Amino acid sequence: MALSNLAISTDILLTGAVYLGLAGVYLVVIPLALLLYLKRRWYTTGSIERALLYGLVFAFFPGMLLFSPFLNFRPQMRNLD
């Protein structure tokens, strides 16, 4: 049995790395950046910006599900001194 038959070609490794990189960007990087932007602009966005953001939320929904348990968009407690 030749050793070249057991080795994985570099094309397959490169293709797998590209797919893993794209999956990481789609599931982790863009949704996390979008959530941080939403948290910062939640109370000040205009209607057009909010519609565009909701479109991005829909487009990156699987990644948003990964981070949704860690979100807290409730208003901060007021100090009533």
N, C-alpha and C. Protein backbone atom coordinates (compact mmCIF):
# COMPACT_ATOMS: atom_id res chain seq x y z
N MET A 1 0.84 -1.17 0.00
CA MET A 1 0.00 0.00 0.00
C MET A 1 0.90 1.24 0.00
N ALA A 2 0.68 2.09 -0.94
CA ALA A 2 1.52 3.28 -1.07
C ALA A 2 1.09 4.33 -0.05
N LEU A 3 2.05 5.07 0.41
CA LEU A 3 1.78 6.11 1.40
C LEU A 3 0.98 7.26 0.79
N SER A 4 1.10 7.49 -0.49
CA SER A 4 0.38 8.59 -1.14
C SER A 4 -1.13 8.34 -1.17
N ASN A 5 -1.56 7.11 -1.08
CA ASN A 5 -2.98 6.82 -1.05
C ASN A 5 -3.62 7.22 0.27
N LEU A 6 -2.85 7.23 1.35
CA LEU A 6 -3.38 7.57 2.67
C LEU A 6 -3.31 9.06 2.96
N ALA A 7 -2.47 9.76 2.27
CA ALA A 7 -2.29 11.19 2.52
C ALA A 7 -3.46 11.97 1.93
N ILE A 8 -3.86 12.99 2.64
CA ILE A 8 -4.92 13.88 2.16
C ILE A 8 -4.26 14.95 1.29
N SER A 9 -4.84 15.19 0.15
CA SER A 9 -4.23 16.17 -0.76
C SER A 9 -4.38 17.58 -0.19
N THR A 10 -3.51 18.45 -0.61
CA THR A 10 -3.53 19.83 -0.13
C THR A 10 -4.78 20.57 -0.62
N ASP A 11 -5.32 20.16 -1.77
CA ASP A 11 -6.55 20.79 -2.25
C ASP A 11 -7.71 20.55 -1.29
N ILE A 12 -7.81 19.35 -0.78
CA ILE A 12 -8.88 19.03 0.16
C ILE A 12 -8.69 19.78 1.47
N LEU A 13 -7.45 19.85 1.95
CA LEU A 13 -7.18 20.59 3.18
C LEU A 13 -7.45 22.08 3.01
N LEU A 14 -7.06 22.63 1.87
CA LEU A 14 -7.31 24.04 1.61
C LEU A 14 -8.80 24.33 1.51
N THR A 15 -9.53 23.47 0.83
CA THR A 15 -10.98 23.63 0.71
C THR A 15 -11.65 23.54 2.07
N GLY A 16 -11.24 22.59 2.89
CA GLY A 16 -11.80 22.47 4.23
C GLY A 16 -11.50 23.68 5.09
N ALA A 17 -10.29 24.22 4.97
CA ALA A 17 -9.93 25.41 5.73
C ALA A 17 -10.75 26.62 5.30
N VAL A 18 -10.99 26.75 4.00
CA VAL A 18 -11.80 27.86 3.50
C VAL A 18 -13.23 27.74 4.01
N TYR A 19 -13.79 26.53 3.97
CA TYR A 19 -15.15 26.33 4.47
C TYR A 19 -15.25 26.60 5.97
N LEU A 20 -14.27 26.15 6.73
CA LEU A 20 -14.27 26.42 8.17
C LEU A 20 -14.12 27.91 8.46
N GLY A 21 -13.30 28.58 7.68
CA GLY A 21 -13.15 30.03 7.85
C GLY A 21 -14.42 30.78 7.54
N LEU A 22 -15.07 30.41 6.44
CA LEU A 22 -16.34 31.07 6.08
C LEU A 22 -17.43 30.77 7.10
N ALA A 23 -17.47 29.54 7.60
CA ALA A 23 -18.45 29.19 8.63
C ALA A 23 -18.20 29.97 9.90
N GLY A 24 -16.94 30.14 10.27
CA GLY A 24 -16.62 30.93 11.45
C GLY A 24 -17.01 32.38 11.30
N VAL A 25 -16.77 32.94 10.14
CA VAL A 25 -17.17 34.34 9.89
C VAL A 25 -18.69 34.46 9.93
N TYR A 26 -19.39 33.52 9.30
CA TYR A 26 -20.85 33.57 9.23
C TYR A 26 -21.51 33.32 10.58
N LEU A 27 -20.97 32.40 11.36
CA LEU A 27 -21.61 32.01 12.62
C LEU A 27 -21.10 32.76 13.84
N VAL A 28 -19.90 33.34 13.78
CA VAL A 28 -19.33 33.94 14.98
C VAL A 28 -18.99 35.42 14.79
N VAL A 29 -18.18 35.73 13.81
CA VAL A 29 -17.61 37.07 13.70
C VAL A 29 -18.67 38.12 13.37
N ILE A 30 -19.41 37.93 12.29
CA ILE A 30 -20.40 38.94 11.88
C ILE A 30 -21.55 39.03 12.87
N PRO A 31 -22.13 37.92 13.37
CA PRO A 31 -23.20 38.07 14.37
C PRO A 31 -22.73 38.75 15.66
N LEU A 32 -21.52 38.47 16.11
CA LEU A 32 -21.03 39.12 17.32
C LEU A 32 -20.83 40.61 17.10
N ALA A 33 -20.27 40.98 15.97
CA ALA A 33 -20.12 42.41 15.64
C ALA A 33 -21.48 43.08 15.50
N LEU A 34 -22.43 42.40 14.91
CA LEU A 34 -23.78 42.95 14.75
C LEU A 34 -24.47 43.12 16.09
N LEU A 35 -24.31 42.16 16.97
CA LEU A 35 -24.92 42.27 18.30
C LEU A 35 -24.30 43.39 19.11
N LEU A 36 -23.00 43.55 19.04
CA LEU A 36 -22.35 44.66 19.75
C LEU A 36 -22.81 46.00 19.19
N TYR A 37 -22.96 46.10 17.88
CA TYR A 37 -23.46 47.34 17.27
C TYR A 37 -24.90 47.59 17.68
N LEU A 38 -25.73 46.55 17.68
CA LEU A 38 -27.12 46.71 18.10
C LEU A 38 -27.22 47.17 19.55
N LYS A 39 -26.38 46.60 20.42
CA LYS A 39 -26.41 46.98 21.82
C LYS A 39 -26.02 48.45 22.01
N ARG A 40 -25.05 48.90 21.23
CA ARG A 40 -24.61 50.29 21.34
C ARG A 40 -25.64 51.27 20.79
N ARG A 41 -26.35 50.89 19.74
CA ARG A 41 -27.26 51.83 19.06
C ARG A 41 -28.74 51.54 19.30
N TRP A 42 -29.08 50.68 20.27
CA TRP A 42 -30.44 50.19 20.44
C TRP A 42 -31.47 51.31 20.62
N TYR A 43 -31.16 52.32 21.39
CA TYR A 43 -32.13 53.37 21.70
C TYR A 43 -31.99 54.60 20.81
N THR A 44 -31.06 54.63 19.90
CA THR A 44 -30.84 55.83 19.10
C THR A 44 -30.95 55.61 17.59
N THR A 45 -31.28 54.42 17.14
CA THR A 45 -31.33 54.17 15.70
C THR A 45 -32.55 54.83 15.06
N GLY A 46 -32.38 55.19 13.82
CA GLY A 46 -33.49 55.69 13.03
C GLY A 46 -34.24 54.54 12.38
N SER A 47 -35.31 54.84 11.71
CA SER A 47 -36.16 53.78 11.16
C SER A 47 -35.48 53.03 10.01
N ILE A 48 -34.76 53.73 9.15
CA ILE A 48 -34.10 53.06 8.03
C ILE A 48 -32.96 52.20 8.53
N GLU A 49 -32.18 52.75 9.47
CA GLU A 49 -31.08 51.97 10.04
C GLU A 49 -31.60 50.73 10.76
N ARG A 50 -32.69 50.87 11.48
CA ARG A 50 -33.26 49.73 12.19
C ARG A 50 -33.76 48.66 11.22
N ALA A 51 -34.36 49.08 10.11
CA ALA A 51 -34.81 48.11 9.11
C ALA A 51 -33.63 47.37 8.49
N LEU A 52 -32.54 48.08 8.21
CA LEU A 52 -31.35 47.42 7.68
C LEU A 52 -30.74 46.46 8.69
N LEU A 53 -30.72 46.86 9.95
CA LEU A 53 -30.17 45.99 10.99
C LEU A 53 -31.02 44.74 11.16
N TYR A 54 -32.33 44.88 11.11
CA TYR A 54 -33.19 43.70 11.22
C TYR A 54 -33.01 42.77 10.02
N GLY A 55 -32.74 43.33 8.85
CA GLY A 55 -32.43 42.51 7.69
C GLY A 55 -31.15 41.72 7.89
N LEU A 56 -30.14 42.36 8.49
CA LEU A 56 -28.89 41.66 8.78
C LEU A 56 -29.10 40.60 9.86
N VAL A 57 -29.94 40.89 10.83
CA VAL A 57 -30.26 39.89 11.87
C VAL A 57 -30.90 38.67 11.22
N PHE A 58 -31.80 38.90 10.29
CA PHE A 58 -32.43 37.78 9.58
C PHE A 58 -31.41 37.00 8.75
N ALA A 59 -30.49 37.71 8.09
CA ALA A 59 -29.51 37.05 7.24
C ALA A 59 -28.52 36.21 8.05
N PHE A 60 -28.20 36.65 9.25
CA PHE A 60 -27.22 35.95 10.09
C PHE A 60 -27.90 35.29 11.29
N PHE A 61 -29.12 34.82 11.10
CA PHE A 61 -29.92 34.26 12.19
C PHE A 61 -29.28 33.07 12.89
N PRO A 62 -28.67 32.11 12.18
CA PRO A 62 -28.06 30.98 12.91
C PRO A 62 -26.97 31.41 13.89
N GLY A 63 -26.16 32.37 13.49
CA GLY A 63 -25.13 32.87 14.40
C GLY A 63 -25.72 33.68 15.53
N MET A 64 -26.82 34.38 15.26
CA MET A 64 -27.47 35.17 16.31
C MET A 64 -28.03 34.25 17.39
N LEU A 65 -28.49 33.07 17.00
CA LEU A 65 -29.00 32.12 17.98
C LEU A 65 -27.91 31.65 18.93
N LEU A 66 -26.68 31.59 18.45
CA LEU A 66 -25.58 31.16 19.31
C LEU A 66 -25.32 32.16 20.43
N PHE A 67 -25.50 33.45 20.15
CA PHE A 67 -25.18 34.49 21.13
C PHE A 67 -26.41 35.03 21.86
N SER A 68 -27.60 34.68 21.43
CA SER A 68 -28.80 35.27 22.02
C SER A 68 -28.98 34.99 23.51
N PRO A 69 -28.55 33.87 24.06
CA PRO A 69 -28.72 33.70 25.52
C PRO A 69 -27.91 34.69 26.35
N PHE A 70 -26.94 35.33 25.76
CA PHE A 70 -26.06 36.22 26.51
C PHE A 70 -26.42 37.69 26.35
N LEU A 71 -27.54 37.99 25.70
CA LEU A 71 -27.92 39.38 25.44
C LEU A 71 -28.75 39.94 26.58
N ASN A 72 -28.62 41.24 26.78
CA ASN A 72 -29.45 41.94 27.74
C ASN A 72 -29.66 43.35 27.21
N PHE A 73 -30.76 43.57 26.53
CA PHE A 73 -31.07 44.88 25.98
C PHE A 73 -32.00 45.68 26.88
N ARG A 74 -32.23 45.21 28.09
CA ARG A 74 -33.09 45.96 29.00
C ARG A 74 -32.40 47.27 29.40
N PRO A 75 -33.18 48.28 29.69
CA PRO A 75 -32.57 49.55 30.13
C PRO A 75 -31.83 49.37 31.44
N GLN A 76 -30.81 50.18 31.64
CA GLN A 76 -30.07 50.15 32.88
C GLN A 76 -30.94 50.70 34.01
N MET A 77 -30.71 50.24 35.22
CA MET A 77 -31.48 50.72 36.37
C MET A 77 -31.18 52.20 36.61
N ARG A 78 -32.22 52.95 36.95
CA ARG A 78 -32.05 54.37 37.23
C ARG A 78 -31.66 54.56 38.68
N ASN A 79 -30.90 55.58 38.92
CA ASN A 79 -30.54 55.94 40.29
C ASN A 79 -31.51 57.01 40.76
N LEU A 80 -32.29 56.73 41.78
CA LEU A 80 -33.34 57.65 42.23
C LEU A 80 -32.91 58.40 43.51
N ASP A 81 -31.79 59.06 43.42
CA ASP A 81 -31.32 59.84 44.58
C ASP A 81 -32.06 61.15 44.70
